Amino acid sequence: MVMEFLKGLEQAMKLGLSKESFIEVWHQESKIKQMEIENMLLDKRLQSQTFEK
């Protein structure tokens, strides 16, 4: 994940995006990915409870 971040940062800076802006976008995307994972896990837990009854 670190290499992906560094490559993305390098690319963004070549396109004229500031380091701070890139980090802000990266952080927001990371939060979205985390929420998607949490939602998927919650869905799986809810499905398993439905089938247990």
Foldseek 3Di string as FASTA:
>chain_A
DVVVLVVQLVVCVVVPHDSVVSVVVVVVVVVVVVVVVVVVVVVVVVVVVVVVD
